[in-house]
Amino acid sequence: QVQLVESGGGLVQPGGSLRLSCATSKIIFNTYTMGWYRQAPGKQRELVAVISSGGSTNYADSVKGRFSISRDNTKNTLYLQMNSLKSEDTAVYYCNAKSEWSRGDYWGQGTQVTVSS
């Protein structure tokens, strides 16, 4: 059974940093485009950042220059380094794995990030 397990969320003050991780299992990790999405209360889920199997990245305008997505294909793990956090970054952050070869499309359970003083 495919599993995506996020970790690293929590409460942080504005201007602080967090690093999210997404550990995957039962997928051929290096054939998937991996992404981070977030959903704030009362809002739709939105793209934060994605990284292809080849390492190409794309970011939402709201996080460019502050967030960095990366992947470790030897550990089947996705990361999101979040710096200079703002209150508007508060949301549940979800990991997504989308196959570049098939219809596989999987989500993690989410991890809460709260930015507040």
Protein backbone atom coordinates (compact mmCIF):
# COMPACT_ATOMS: atom_id res chain seq x y z
CA GLN A 1 0.00 0.00 0.00
CA VAL A 2 1.37 3.39 -1.02
CA GLN A 3 2.14 5.67 1.91
CA LEU A 4 3.13 9.31 2.06
CA VAL A 5 3.87 10.45 5.59
CA GLU A 6 4.49 14.12 6.30
CA SER A 7 6.32 15.41 9.35
CA GLY A 8 7.96 18.57 10.61
CA GLY A 9 4.95 20.82 11.04
CA GLY A 10 4.30 22.83 14.16
CA LEU A 11 3.95 26.26 15.68
CA VAL A 12 6.51 28.88 14.71
CA GLN A 13 6.78 32.64 15.15
CA PRO A 14 6.65 34.98 12.17
CA GLY A 15 10.05 35.15 10.53
CA GLY A 16 10.92 31.66 11.69
CA SER A 17 11.73 28.50 9.76
CA LEU A 18 10.46 24.96 9.47
CA ARG A 19 11.49 21.97 7.40
CA LEU A 20 8.80 19.57 6.28
CA SER A 21 9.55 16.01 5.23
CA CYS A 22 7.48 13.51 3.28
CA ALA A 23 8.60 9.91 3.54
CA THR A 24 7.21 7.66 0.84
CA SER A 25 6.86 3.92 0.44
CA LYS A 26 5.62 1.52 -2.22
CA ILE A 27 6.26 3.90 -5.12
CA ILE A 28 9.14 4.13 -7.55
CA PHE A 29 10.06 7.49 -6.11
CA ASN A 30 12.37 8.64 -8.89
CA THR A 31 9.58 8.31 -11.46
CA TYR A 32 7.23 10.67 -9.66
CA THR A 33 6.78 14.41 -9.71
CA MET A 34 6.52 15.38 -6.07
CA GLY A 35 4.73 18.38 -4.69
CA TRP A 36 3.69 20.29 -1.63
CA TYR A 37 0.22 21.76 -1.41
CA ARG A 38 -1.49 23.61 1.40
CA GLN A 39 -5.00 24.34 2.55
CA ALA A 40 -5.90 27.13 4.92
CA PRO A 41 -9.23 27.18 6.77
CA GLY A 42 -12.04 28.19 4.45
CA LYS A 43 -9.81 28.15 1.39
CA GLN A 44 -9.14 25.73 -1.45
CA ARG A 45 -6.05 23.58 -1.55
CA GLU A 46 -3.29 25.35 -3.46
CA LEU A 47 0.05 24.45 -4.95
CA VAL A 48 3.10 25.50 -2.95
CA ALA A 49 5.93 23.88 -4.90
CA VAL A 50 6.65 20.93 -7.15
CA ILE A 51 9.78 19.11 -8.22
CA SER A 52 10.01 16.74 -11.15
CA SER A 53 11.90 13.49 -11.22
CA GLY A 54 14.69 15.35 -12.98
CA GLY A 55 14.84 18.07 -10.36
CA SER A 56 13.01 20.89 -12.13
CA THR A 57 11.13 23.05 -9.65
CA ASN A 58 8.18 25.40 -9.69
CA TYR A 59 6.89 27.60 -6.89
CA ALA A 60 3.80 29.59 -6.09
CA ASP A 61 4.54 33.31 -6.36
CA SER A 62 3.66 33.75 -2.70
CA VAL A 63 6.55 31.56 -1.54
CA LYS A 64 9.25 32.28 -4.11
CA GLY A 65 12.50 33.25 -2.44
CA ARG A 66 11.35 31.94 0.94
CA PHE A 67 10.62 28.24 0.40
CA SER A 68 12.81 25.59 -1.19
CA ILE A 69 11.65 22.15 -2.35
CA SER A 70 14.09 19.28 -2.66
CA ARG A 71 14.12 15.51 -2.90
CA ASP A 72 16.44 12.71 -1.89
CA ASN A 73 15.92 9.82 -4.28
CA THR A 74 18.13 7.56 -2.16
CA LYS A 75 15.80 8.01 0.82
CA ASN A 76 12.52 8.26 -1.15
CA THR A 77 11.85 11.49 0.72
CA LEU A 78 10.63 14.93 -0.22
CA TYR A 79 11.46 18.11 1.69
CA LEU A 80 10.21 21.65 1.98
CA GLN A 81 12.45 24.21 3.65
CA MET A 82 10.33 27.15 4.73
CA ASN A 83 12.05 30.37 5.78
CA SER A 84 10.79 33.83 6.67
CA LEU A 85 7.42 32.38 7.55
CA LYS A 86 4.38 34.64 7.61
CA SER A 87 1.02 34.29 9.28
CA GLU A 88 -0.53 33.73 5.88
CA ASP A 89 1.54 30.55 5.51
CA THR A 90 -0.60 28.97 8.22
CA ALA A 91 -2.26 25.90 6.70
CA VAL A 92 -2.28 22.15 6.54
CA TYR A 93 0.54 21.12 4.22
CA TYR A 94 0.07 18.04 2.05
CA CYS A 95 2.57 15.96 0.15
CA ASN A 96 1.58 14.74 -3.32
CA ALA A 97 3.14 12.13 -5.58
CA LYS A 98 2.14 12.10 -9.25
CA SER A 99 3.51 9.43 -11.53
CA GLU A 100 5.21 10.57 -14.74
CA TRP A 101 4.58 7.12 -16.25
CA SER A 102 1.09 6.11 -15.13
CA ARG A 103 -2.04 7.39 -13.43
CA GLY A 104 -0.65 7.08 -9.94
CA ASP A 105 -1.58 10.11 -7.87
CA TYR A 106 -1.24 9.92 -4.10
CA TRP A 107 -1.65 12.22 -1.11
CA GLY A 108 -0.36 12.27 2.41
CA GLN A 109 -2.49 12.94 5.46
CA GLY A 110 -1.15 16.45 5.96
CA THR A 111 0.81 18.27 8.63
CA GLN A 112 -0.29 21.47 10.36
CA VAL A 113 1.88 24.56 10.11
CA THR A 114 0.87 27.49 12.30
CA VAL A 115 2.70 30.80 12.12
CA SER A 116 1.79 32.97 15.07
CA SER A 117 3.35 35.10 17.76
